[in-house]
Amino acid sequence: MFHVSFPGLGLDFNINRVAFTIGGIEIYWYALCIVSGVLLALLYAKFNAKRFDVDNDKLLNCFIVGVITAILGARLYYVVFKWDYFMSDPARIFNIRDGGLAIYGGIIGALLGGLITAKVQKMRLLGLLDLTMIGFLIGQSVGRWGNFMNQEAFGVETDSLFRMVSEGTGSVAVHPCFLYESVWCALGVLFLHIFSKKWQKYYGQVAFLYMIWYGAERAVVEGLRTDSLYLPFNIGSYQPRVSQLVSLALVITGIVLLIVFRKRDDHIRDKKEVIIDKNEDKPQEAENV
């Protein structure tokens, strides 16, 4: 049980990591937040698949495989950069109930599993990627509240308006990094959804914008956190944070891809191509499918 307060906002909560118990097994709020985020992402994808030229049945196959590989990727990523901890007792690698899932590992794992499945099914990969990235933001926005329930993934001491205090923070006012990321991802969902309906010119454009949107926020917020994964070497007196470097690489890659793909004209909506009616020898318009 934690007593959590946001003094600057005048808010106080009593929270428990455990949501309920089934047959003696404790079900944590963290797990429920993650599952809720994943299911909401799937619902969004199912209702918007047609706009991105994605087949719903094939999408479900990608989703199932992607969830499995996301869990594996998130755990593997964490273990690799925390190997000193797991080296003495490798059996702890399989105990994910004690925590230790890295978001970037989950993203990488989900993409590998989902896109390989899509490739096998001969799907339009960039269209699927656009849809998936909005789903990622939904999952990330909701899932971060699992960190709140665990009172983890917070930042350094602060006296800002949004400061958070609890037993989990050592009764010190800290940056609620989970809140920053949750709100930023929710705004990203709104922005990319509207963008995809009104202004998207080509498949892949939404995915590239996601890279910039999420990467920029994570690069900043990661610098505030106290539980970062670090590379096992220093650059001068600075030990690089893994997620900051990945985030910066994501932003740069997204910008480069937007520039490289800027002249593409395969519009996601209302794309028509001209065909010739051989009988009447005059052009007609046909939907580009």
C-alpha atoms as a PDB file:
ATOM      1  CA  MET A   1       0.000   0.000   0.000  1.00  0.00           C
ATOM      2  CA  PHE A   2       1.279   3.456  -0.945  1.00  0.00           C
ATOM      3  CA  HIS A   3       0.040   6.856   0.093  1.00  0.00           C
ATOM      4  CA  VAL A   4       0.698   9.040  -2.947  1.00  0.00           C
ATOM      5  CA  SER A   5       0.312  12.788  -3.081  1.00  0.00           C
ATOM      6  CA  PHE A   6       0.777  15.515  -5.660  1.00  0.00           C
ATOM      7  CA  PRO A   7       1.205  18.536  -3.347  1.00  0.00           C
ATOM      8  CA  GLY A   8       1.283  21.073  -6.162  1.00  0.00           C
ATOM      9  CA  LEU A   9      -2.063  19.818  -7.474  1.00  0.00           C
ATOM     10  CA  GLY A  10      -3.661  19.145  -4.089  1.00  0.00           C
ATOM     11  CA  LEU A  11      -4.223  15.454  -4.844  1.00  0.00           C
ATOM     12  CA  ASP A  12      -3.851  12.455  -2.497  1.00  0.00           C
ATOM     13  CA  PHE A  13      -4.328   8.745  -3.176  1.00  0.00           C
ATOM     14  CA  ASN A  14      -4.004   5.434  -1.383  1.00  0.00           C
ATOM     15  CA  ILE A  15      -3.040   2.761  -3.893  1.00  0.00           C
ATOM     16  CA  ASN A  16      -2.256  -0.933  -3.722  1.00  0.00           C
ATOM     17  CA  ARG A  17      -0.081  -2.773  -6.242  1.00  0.00           C
ATOM     18  CA  VAL A  18      -2.429  -5.771  -6.047  1.00  0.00           C
ATOM     19  CA  ALA A  19      -5.763  -5.393  -7.833  1.00  0.00           C
ATOM     20  CA  PHE A  20      -7.292  -8.680  -6.657  1.00  0.00           C
ATOM     21  CA  THR A  21      -6.459 -12.302  -5.903  1.00  0.00           C
ATOM     22  CA  ILE A  22      -7.587 -15.402  -7.787  1.00  0.00           C
ATOM     23  CA  GLY A  23      -6.936 -18.794  -6.204  1.00  0.00           C
ATOM     24  CA  GLY A  24      -4.145 -17.384  -4.098  1.00  0.00           C
ATOM     25  CA  ILE A  25      -2.490 -15.716  -7.110  1.00  0.00           C
ATOM     26  CA  GLU A  26      -2.113 -11.950  -6.834  1.00  0.00           C
ATOM     27  CA  ILE A  27      -3.077  -9.987  -9.930  1.00  0.00           C
ATOM     28  CA  TYR A  28      -1.203  -6.697 -10.112  1.00  0.00           C
ATOM     29  CA  TRP A  29      -2.532  -3.388 -11.430  1.00  0.00           C
ATOM     30  CA  TYR A  30       0.636  -3.188 -13.520  1.00  0.00           C
ATOM     31  CA  ALA A  31      -0.425  -6.250 -15.508  1.00  0.00           C
ATOM     32  CA  LEU A  32      -3.990  -4.983 -15.873  1.00  0.00           C
ATOM     33  CA  CYS A  33      -2.763  -1.617 -17.192  1.00  0.00           C
ATOM     34  CA  ILE A  34      -0.500  -3.306 -19.734  1.00  0.00           C
ATOM     35  CA  VAL A  35      -3.241  -5.685 -20.897  1.00  0.00           C
ATOM     36  CA  SER A  36      -5.778  -2.840 -21.082  1.00  0.00           C
ATOM     37  CA  GLY A  37      -3.412  -0.779 -23.219  1.00  0.00           C
ATOM     38  CA  VAL A  38      -2.786  -3.696 -25.564  1.00  0.00           C
ATOM     39  CA  LEU A  39      -6.502  -4.428 -25.969  1.00  0.00           C
ATOM     40  CA  LEU A  40      -7.355  -0.769 -26.604  1.00  0.00           C
ATOM     41  CA  ALA A  41      -4.613  -0.661 -29.225  1.00  0.00           C
ATOM     42  CA  LEU A  42      -6.095  -3.742 -30.883  1.00  0.00           C
ATOM     43  CA  LEU A  43      -9.588  -2.213 -30.889  1.00  0.00           C
ATOM     44  CA  TYR A  44      -8.262   0.956 -32.502  1.00  0.00           C
ATOM     45  CA  ALA A  45      -6.439  -1.086 -35.122  1.00  0.00           C
ATOM     46  CA  LYS A  46      -9.493  -3.222 -35.893  1.00  0.00           C
ATOM     47  CA  PHE A  47     -11.743  -0.175 -36.408  1.00  0.00           C
ATOM     48  CA  ASN A  48      -9.200   1.729 -38.502  1.00  0.00           C
ATOM     49  CA  ALA A  49      -7.551  -1.070 -40.462  1.00  0.00           C
ATOM     50  CA  LYS A  50      -9.456  -0.353 -43.674  1.00  0.00           C
ATOM     51  CA  ARG A  51      -8.111   3.225 -43.873  1.00  0.00           C
ATOM     52  CA  PHE A  52      -4.578   1.841 -43.913  1.00  0.00           C
ATOM     53  CA  ASP A  53      -5.359  -0.933 -46.409  1.00  0.00           C
ATOM     54  CA  VAL A  54      -4.874  -3.613 -43.742  1.00  0.00           C
ATOM     55  CA  ASP A  55      -6.878  -6.849 -43.732  1.00  0.00           C
ATOM     56  CA  ASN A  56      -8.476  -7.406 -40.304  1.00  0.00           C
ATOM     57  CA  ASP A  57      -8.019 -11.184 -40.255  1.00  0.00           C
ATOM     58  CA  LYS A  58      -4.356 -10.920 -41.171  1.00  0.00           C
ATOM     59  CA  LEU A  59      -3.982  -8.089 -38.661  1.00  0.00           C
ATOM     60  CA  LEU A  60      -5.101 -10.389 -35.854  1.00  0.00           C
ATOM     61  CA  ASN A  61      -2.414 -12.913 -36.788  1.00  0.00           C
ATOM     62  CA  CYS A  62       0.224 -10.160 -36.637  1.00  0.00           C
ATOM     63  CA  PHE A  63      -1.148  -9.000 -33.293  1.00  0.00           C
ATOM     64  CA  ILE A  64      -0.970 -12.446 -31.676  1.00  0.00           C
ATOM     65  CA  VAL A  65       2.590 -13.067 -32.812  1.00  0.00           C
ATOM     66  CA  GLY A  66       3.586  -9.480 -32.011  1.00  0.00           C
ATOM     67  CA  VAL A  67       2.371  -9.694 -28.399  1.00  0.00           C
ATOM     68  CA  ILE A  68       4.406 -12.847 -27.798  1.00  0.00           C
ATOM     69  CA  THR A  69       7.571 -11.443 -29.346  1.00  0.00           C
ATOM     70  CA  ALA A  70       7.017  -8.107 -27.556  1.00  0.00           C
ATOM     71  CA  ILE A  71       7.129  -9.822 -24.154  1.00  0.00           C
ATOM     72  CA  LEU A  72      10.222 -11.784 -25.148  1.00  0.00           C
ATOM     73  CA  GLY A  73      11.900  -8.675 -26.560  1.00  0.00           C
ATOM     74  CA  ALA A  74      11.085  -6.520 -23.531  1.00  0.00           C
ATOM     75  CA  ARG A  75      12.558  -9.085 -21.157  1.00  0.00           C
ATOM     76  CA  LEU A  76      15.620  -9.857 -23.276  1.00  0.00           C
ATOM     77  CA  TYR A  77      16.442  -6.149 -23.689  1.00  0.00           C
ATOM     78  CA  TYR A  78      16.269  -5.632 -19.924  1.00  0.00           C
ATOM     79  CA  VAL A  79      18.340  -8.729 -19.143  1.00  0.00           C
ATOM     80  CA  VAL A  80      21.090  -7.782 -21.605  1.00  0.00           C
ATOM     81  CA  PHE A  81      21.627  -4.393 -19.998  1.00  0.00           C
ATOM     82  CA  LYS A  82      21.230  -5.742 -16.458  1.00  0.00           C
ATOM     83  CA  TRP A  83      23.355  -8.830 -16.984  1.00  0.00           C
ATOM     84  CA  ASP A  84      25.447  -8.183 -13.880  1.00  0.00           C
ATOM     85  CA  TYR A  85      22.301  -8.725 -11.828  1.00  0.00           C
ATOM     86  CA  PHE A  86      21.165 -11.902 -13.617  1.00  0.00           C
ATOM     87  CA  MET A  87      24.603 -13.466 -14.114  1.00  0.00           C
ATOM     88  CA  SER A  88      24.802 -14.858 -10.582  1.00  0.00           C
ATOM     89  CA  ASP A  89      21.356 -16.480 -10.811  1.00  0.00           C
ATOM     90  CA  PRO A  90      20.147 -16.926 -14.432  1.00  0.00           C
ATOM     91  CA  ALA A  91      16.902 -18.506 -13.203  1.00  0.00           C
ATOM     92  CA  ARG A  92      15.742 -14.985 -12.290  1.00  0.00           C
ATOM     93  CA  ILE A  93      15.493 -14.228 -15.995  1.00  0.00           C
ATOM     94  CA  PHE A  94      12.191 -16.118 -16.103  1.00  0.00           C
ATOM     95  CA  ASN A  95      10.651 -14.396 -13.069  1.00  0.00           C
ATOM     96  CA  ILE A  96       9.004 -11.451 -14.810  1.00  0.00           C
ATOM     97  CA  ARG A  97       6.523 -10.978 -11.937  1.00  0.00           C
ATOM     98  CA  ASP A  98       9.290  -9.136 -10.118  1.00  0.00           C
ATOM     99  CA  GLY A  99       9.502  -6.594 -12.950  1.00  0.00           C
ATOM    100  CA  GLY A 100      12.116  -5.980 -15.588  1.00  0.00           C
ATOM    101  CA  LEU A 101      10.460  -5.250 -18.932  1.00  0.00           C
ATOM    102  CA  ALA A 102      11.971  -2.567 -21.164  1.00  0.00           C
ATOM    103  CA  ILE A 103       9.643  -0.647 -23.486  1.00  0.00           C
ATOM    104  CA  TYR A 104      12.136  -0.388 -26.338  1.00  0.00           C
ATOM    105  CA  GLY A 105      12.742  -4.114 -26.212  1.00  0.00           C
ATOM    106  CA  GLY A 106       8.984  -4.626 -26.392  1.00  0.00           C
ATOM    107  CA  ILE A 107       8.677  -2.322 -29.398  1.00  0.00           C
ATOM    108  CA  ILE A 108      11.536  -4.054 -31.221  1.00  0.00           C
ATOM    109  CA  GLY A 109      10.134  -7.489 -30.420  1.00  0.00           C
ATOM    110  CA  ALA A 110       6.602  -6.570 -31.486  1.00  0.00           C
ATOM    111  CA  LEU A 111       7.825  -5.114 -34.771  1.00  0.00           C
ATOM    112  CA  LEU A 112       9.991  -8.111 -35.615  1.00  0.00           C
ATOM    113  CA  GLY A 113       7.252 -10.628 -34.891  1.00  0.00           C
ATOM    114  CA  GLY A 114       4.427  -8.605 -36.416  1.00  0.00           C
ATOM    115  CA  LEU A 115       6.239  -7.541 -39.580  1.00  0.00           C
ATOM    116  CA  ILE A 116       7.632 -11.013 -40.279  1.00  0.00           C
ATOM    117  CA  THR A 117       4.100 -12.378 -39.944  1.00  0.00           C
ATOM    118  CA  ALA A 118       2.850  -9.614 -42.255  1.00  0.00           C
ATOM    119  CA  LYS A 119       5.539 -10.378 -44.808  1.00  0.00           C
ATOM    120  CA  VAL A 120       4.554 -14.051 -44.843  1.00  0.00           C
ATOM    121  CA  GLN A 121       0.922 -12.983 -45.396  1.00  0.00           C
ATOM    122  CA  LYS A 122       1.983 -10.575 -48.194  1.00  0.00           C
ATOM    123  CA  MET A 123       0.538  -7.503 -46.460  1.00  0.00           C
ATOM    124  CA  ARG A 124       1.362  -3.850 -47.155  1.00  0.00           C
ATOM    125  CA  LEU A 125       4.103  -3.381 -44.554  1.00  0.00           C
ATOM    126  CA  LEU A 126       4.197   0.425 -44.388  1.00  0.00           C
ATOM    127  CA  GLY A 127       0.429   0.674 -44.034  1.00  0.00           C
ATOM    128  CA  LEU A 128       0.519  -1.857 -41.214  1.00  0.00           C
ATOM    129  CA  LEU A 129       3.415   0.017 -39.623  1.00  0.00           C
ATOM    130  CA  ASP A 130       1.444   3.291 -39.615  1.00  0.00           C
ATOM    131  CA  LEU A 131      -1.500   1.630 -37.921  1.00  0.00           C
ATOM    132  CA  THR A 132       0.754  -0.164 -35.455  1.00  0.00           C
ATOM    133  CA  MET A 133       2.550   2.982 -34.327  1.00  0.00           C
ATOM    134  CA  ILE A 134      -0.681   4.688 -33.305  1.00  0.00           C
ATOM    135  CA  GLY A 135      -1.530   1.493 -31.439  1.00  0.00           C
ATOM    136  CA  PHE A 136       1.854   1.644 -29.705  1.00  0.00           C
ATOM    137  CA  LEU A 137       1.072   5.134 -28.420  1.00  0.00           C
ATOM    138  CA  ILE A 138      -2.263   3.942 -27.040  1.00  0.00           C
ATOM    139  CA  GLY A 139      -0.601   1.025 -25.278  1.00  0.00           C
ATOM    140  CA  GLN A 140       2.199   3.201 -23.941  1.00  0.00           C
ATOM    141  CA  SER A 141      -0.180   5.877 -22.661  1.00  0.00           C
ATOM    142  CA  VAL A 142      -2.341   3.422 -20.717  1.00  0.00           C
ATOM    143  CA  GLY A 143       0.457   1.052 -19.744  1.00  0.00           C
ATOM    144  CA  ARG A 144       2.497   3.779 -18.023  1.00  0.00           C
ATOM    145  CA  TRP A 145      -0.150   3.932 -15.295  1.00  0.00           C
ATOM    146  CA  GLY A 146       1.101   0.513 -14.254  1.00  0.00           C
ATOM    147  CA  ASN A 147       4.304   2.304 -13.240  1.00  0.00           C
ATOM    148  CA  PHE A 148       2.200   4.658 -11.122  1.00  0.00           C
ATOM    149  CA  MET A 149       0.550   1.736  -9.335  1.00  0.00           C
ATOM    150  CA  ASN A 150       3.992   0.230  -8.670  1.00  0.00           C
ATOM    151  CA  GLN A 151       5.424   3.656  -7.753  1.00  0.00           C
ATOM    152  CA  GLU A 152       8.353   3.192 -10.135  1.00  0.00           C
ATOM    153  CA  ALA A 153       9.845   4.859 -13.213  1.00  0.00           C
ATOM    154  CA  PHE A 154       9.914   8.228 -11.470  1.00  0.00           C
ATOM    155  CA  GLY A 155      12.557  10.928 -11.723  1.00  0.00           C
ATOM    156  CA  VAL A 156      14.907  13.017  -9.636  1.00  0.00           C
ATOM    157  CA  GLU A 157      13.868  15.411  -6.887  1.00  0.00           C
ATOM    158  CA  THR A 158      11.891  18.467  -7.939  1.00  0.00           C
ATOM    159  CA  ASP A 159       9.705  21.258  -6.613  1.00  0.00           C
ATOM    160  CA  SER A 160       7.672  21.504  -9.828  1.00  0.00           C
ATOM    161  CA  LEU A 161       3.890  21.803  -9.900  1.00  0.00           C
ATOM    162  CA  PHE A 162       3.541  18.112 -10.821  1.00  0.00           C
ATOM    163  CA  ARG A 163       5.862  16.739  -8.117  1.00  0.00           C
ATOM    164  CA  MET A 164       4.885  13.396  -6.580  1.00  0.00           C
ATOM    165  CA  VAL A 165       5.596  12.058  -3.084  1.00  0.00           C
ATOM    166  CA  SER A 166       5.076   8.542  -1.675  1.00  0.00           C
ATOM    167  CA  GLU A 167       6.753   5.807   0.329  1.00  0.00           C
ATOM    168  CA  GLY A 168       7.976   4.483  -3.012  1.00  0.00           C
ATOM    169  CA  THR A 169       9.903   7.696  -3.679  1.00  0.00           C
ATOM    170  CA  GLY A 170      11.436   7.683  -0.208  1.00  0.00           C
ATOM    171  CA  SER A 171       8.994  10.432   0.831  1.00  0.00           C
ATOM    172  CA  VAL A 172      10.868  12.808  -1.486  1.00  0.00           C
ATOM    173  CA  ALA A 173       9.107  14.969  -4.115  1.00  0.00           C
ATOM    174  CA  VAL A 174      10.100  13.652  -7.550  1.00  0.00           C
ATOM    175  CA  HIS A 175       9.231  14.037 -11.228  1.00  0.00           C
ATOM    176  CA  PRO A 176       6.298  11.685 -12.128  1.00  0.00           C
ATOM    177  CA  CYS A 177       7.919  10.521 -15.345  1.00  0.00           C
ATOM    178  CA  PHE A 178       5.148   8.011 -15.965  1.00  0.00           C
ATOM    179  CA  LEU A 179       2.670  10.907 -16.100  1.00  0.00           C
ATOM    180  CA  TYR A 180       4.759  12.946 -18.531  1.00  0.00           C
ATOM    181  CA  GLU A 181       5.037  10.022 -20.921  1.00  0.00           C
ATOM    182  CA  SER A 182       1.419   8.957 -20.587  1.00  0.00           C
ATOM    183  CA  VAL A 183       0.125  12.433 -21.435  1.00  0.00           C
ATOM    184  CA  TRP A 184       2.606  12.877 -24.294  1.00  0.00           C
ATOM    185  CA  CYS A 185       1.628   9.526 -25.819  1.00  0.00           C
ATOM    186  CA  ALA A 186      -2.094  10.354 -25.491  1.00  0.00           C
ATOM    187  CA  LEU A 187      -1.504  13.635 -27.321  1.00  0.00           C
ATOM    188  CA  GLY A 188       0.430  11.662 -29.927  1.00  0.00           C
ATOM    189  CA  VAL A 189      -2.553   9.376 -30.506  1.00  0.00           C
ATOM    190  CA  LEU A 190      -4.780  12.398 -31.110  1.00  0.00           C
ATOM    191  CA  PHE A 191      -2.250  14.099 -33.382  1.00  0.00           C
ATOM    192  CA  LEU A 192      -1.393  11.054 -35.509  1.00  0.00           C
ATOM    193  CA  HIS A 193      -5.021   9.952 -35.796  1.00  0.00           C
ATOM    194  CA  ILE A 194      -6.059  13.362 -37.131  1.00  0.00           C
ATOM    195  CA  PHE A 195      -2.956  13.553 -39.321  1.00  0.00           C
ATOM    196  CA  SER A 196      -3.666  10.141 -40.843  1.00  0.00           C
ATOM    197  CA  LYS A 197      -7.222  11.187 -41.746  1.00  0.00           C
ATOM    198  CA  LYS A 198      -6.546  14.670 -43.084  1.00  0.00           C
ATOM    199  CA  TRP A 199      -2.962  15.124 -44.217  1.00  0.00           C
ATOM    200  CA  GLN A 200      -1.195  11.795 -44.705  1.00  0.00           C
ATOM    201  CA  LYS A 201       0.304  11.572 -48.203  1.00  0.00           C
ATOM    202  CA  TYR A 202       2.020   8.184 -48.219  1.00  0.00           C
ATOM    203  CA  TYR A 203       2.255   4.942 -46.334  1.00  0.00           C
ATOM    204  CA  GLY A 204       4.974   5.123 -43.712  1.00  0.00           C
ATOM    205  CA  GLN A 205       4.561   8.820 -42.974  1.00  0.00           C
ATOM    206  CA  VAL A 206       2.696   8.235 -39.693  1.00  0.00           C
ATOM    207  CA  ALA A 207       5.303   5.698 -38.581  1.00  0.00           C
ATOM    208  CA  PHE A 208       8.135   8.146 -39.233  1.00  0.00           C
ATOM    209  CA  LEU A 209       6.314  10.866 -37.279  1.00  0.00           C
ATOM    210  CA  TYR A 210       5.865   8.430 -34.393  1.00  0.00           C
ATOM    211  CA  MET A 211       9.613   7.907 -34.300  1.00  0.00           C
ATOM    212  CA  ILE A 212      10.185  11.638 -33.933  1.00  0.00           C
ATOM    213  CA  TRP A 213       7.266  12.253 -31.542  1.00  0.00           C
ATOM    214  CA  TYR A 214       8.043   9.459 -29.093  1.00  0.00           C
ATOM    215  CA  GLY A 215      11.821   9.584 -29.467  1.00  0.00           C
ATOM    216  CA  ALA A 216      11.987  13.301 -28.630  1.00  0.00           C
ATOM    217  CA  GLU A 217       9.905  12.920 -25.483  1.00  0.00           C
ATOM    218  CA  ARG A 218      11.729   9.830 -24.264  1.00  0.00           C
ATOM    219  CA  ALA A 219      15.151  11.397 -24.803  1.00  0.00           C
ATOM    220  CA  VAL A 220      14.153  14.248 -22.471  1.00  0.00           C
ATOM    221  CA  VAL A 221      12.209  12.303 -19.830  1.00  0.00           C
ATOM    222  CA  GLU A 222      14.789   9.505 -19.659  1.00  0.00           C
ATOM    223  CA  GLY A 223      17.298  12.109 -18.492  1.00  0.00           C
ATOM    224  CA  LEU A 224      15.100  12.723 -15.425  1.00  0.00           C
ATOM    225  CA  ARG A 225      14.695   9.084 -14.386  1.00  0.00           C
ATOM    226  CA  THR A 226      16.599   7.387 -11.590  1.00  0.00           C
ATOM    227  CA  ASP A 227      16.230   3.801 -12.854  1.00  0.00           C
ATOM    228  CA  SER A 228      17.716   4.032 -16.346  1.00  0.00           C
ATOM    229  CA  LEU A 229      19.590   1.220 -18.052  1.00  0.00           C
ATOM    230  CA  TYR A 230      23.167   2.270 -18.823  1.00  0.00           C
ATOM    231  CA  LEU A 231      25.766   1.174 -21.333  1.00  0.00           C
ATOM    232  CA  PRO A 232      28.691  -0.642 -19.652  1.00  0.00           C
ATOM    233  CA  PHE A 233      31.230   2.076 -20.504  1.00  0.00           C
ATOM    234  CA  ASN A 234      31.773   5.803 -20.096  1.00  0.00           C
ATOM    235  CA  ILE A 235      32.246   8.573 -22.627  1.00  0.00           C
ATOM    236  CA  GLY A 236      34.606  10.799 -20.695  1.00  0.00           C
ATOM    237  CA  SER A 237      32.904  11.179 -17.320  1.00  0.00           C
ATOM    238  CA  TYR A 238      29.447  10.435 -18.731  1.00  0.00           C
ATOM    239  CA  GLN A 239      27.871   6.965 -18.718  1.00  0.00           C
ATOM    240  CA  PRO A 240      25.337   6.873 -21.575  1.00  0.00           C
ATOM    241  CA  ARG A 241      21.743   5.921 -20.839  1.00  0.00           C
ATOM    242  CA  VAL A 242      20.634   3.252 -23.314  1.00  0.00           C
ATOM    243  CA  SER A 243      17.132   4.625 -23.877  1.00  0.00           C
ATOM    244  CA  GLN A 244      18.395   8.159 -24.477  1.00  0.00           C
ATOM    245  CA  LEU A 245      20.752   6.992 -27.220  1.00  0.00           C
ATOM    246  CA  VAL A 246      18.035   4.824 -28.784  1.00  0.00           C
ATOM    247  CA  SER A 247      15.600   7.747 -28.612  1.00  0.00           C
ATOM    248  CA  LEU A 248      17.994  10.148 -30.312  1.00  0.00           C
ATOM    249  CA  ALA A 249      18.686   7.560 -33.018  1.00  0.00           C
ATOM    250  CA  LEU A 250      14.913   7.174 -33.453  1.00  0.00           C
ATOM    251  CA  VAL A 251      14.410  10.918 -33.931  1.00  0.00           C
ATOM    252  CA  ILE A 252      17.248  11.212 -36.453  1.00  0.00           C
ATOM    253  CA  THR A 253      16.077   8.158 -38.386  1.00  0.00           C
ATOM    254  CA  GLY A 254      12.503   9.459 -38.479  1.00  0.00           C
ATOM    255  CA  ILE A 255      13.617  12.835 -39.854  1.00  0.00           C
ATOM    256  CA  VAL A 256      15.816  11.209 -42.495  1.00  0.00           C
ATOM    257  CA  LEU A 257      13.017   8.886 -43.620  1.00  0.00           C
ATOM    258  CA  LEU A 258      10.537  11.771 -43.882  1.00  0.00           C
ATOM    259  CA  ILE A 259      13.003  13.568 -46.156  1.00  0.00           C
ATOM    260  CA  VAL A 260      13.772  10.486 -48.261  1.00  0.00           C
ATOM    261  CA  PHE A 261      10.088   9.566 -48.715  1.00  0.00           C
ATOM    262  CA  ARG A 262       8.772  13.132 -49.137  1.00  0.00           C
ATOM    263  CA  LYS A 263       8.236  12.812 -52.904  1.00  0.00           C
ATOM    264  CA  ARG A 264       6.090   9.693 -52.709  1.00  0.00           C
ATOM    265  CA  ASP A 265       2.551  10.221 -53.984  1.00  0.00           C
ATOM    266  CA  ASP A 266       0.769   6.976 -53.101  1.00  0.00           C
ATOM    267  CA  HIS A 267      -1.842   8.698 -50.938  1.00  0.00           C
ATOM    268  CA  ILE A 268      -3.549   6.727 -48.217  1.00  0.00           C
ATOM    269  CA  ARG A 269      -7.017   8.079 -48.977  1.00  0.00           C
ATOM    270  CA  ASP A 270      -8.933   8.760 -52.177  1.00  0.00           C
ATOM    271  CA  LYS A 271      -6.075   7.581 -54.354  1.00  0.00           C
ATOM    272  CA  LYS A 272      -7.329   6.959 -57.852  1.00  0.00           C
ATOM    273  CA  GLU A 273      -5.610   5.925 -60.984  1.00  0.00           C
ATOM    274  CA  VAL A 274      -6.646   6.525 -64.581  1.00  0.00           C
ATOM    275  CA  ILE A 275      -7.436   3.524 -66.772  1.00  0.00           C
ATOM    276  CA  ILE A 276      -8.502   3.353 -70.382  1.00  0.00           C
ATOM    277  CA  ASP A 277     -11.760   1.801 -71.421  1.00  0.00           C
ATOM    278  CA  LYS A 278     -10.767  -0.119 -74.531  1.00  0.00           C
ATOM    279  CA  ASN A 279     -14.289  -0.067 -75.884  1.00  0.00           C
ATOM    280  CA  GLU A 280     -14.872   3.698 -75.569  1.00  0.00           C
ATOM    281  CA  ASP A 281     -11.254   4.937 -75.807  1.00  0.00           C
ATOM    282  CA  LYS A 282     -11.722   7.433 -72.991  1.00  0.00           C
ATOM    283  CA  PRO A 283     -10.193   7.590 -69.520  1.00  0.00           C
ATOM    284  CA  GLN A 284     -12.059   6.454 -66.441  1.00  0.00           C
ATOM    285  CA  GLU A 285     -11.164   6.603 -62.781  1.00  0.00           C
ATOM    286  CA  ALA A 286     -10.736   3.484 -60.703  1.00  0.00           C
ATOM    287  CA  GLU A 287      -9.994   2.997 -57.013  1.00  0.00           C
ATOM    288  CA  ASN A 288      -6.394   2.072 -56.319  1.00  0.00           C
ATOM    289  CA  VAL A 289      -6.541  -1.136 -54.339  1.00  0.00           C
END
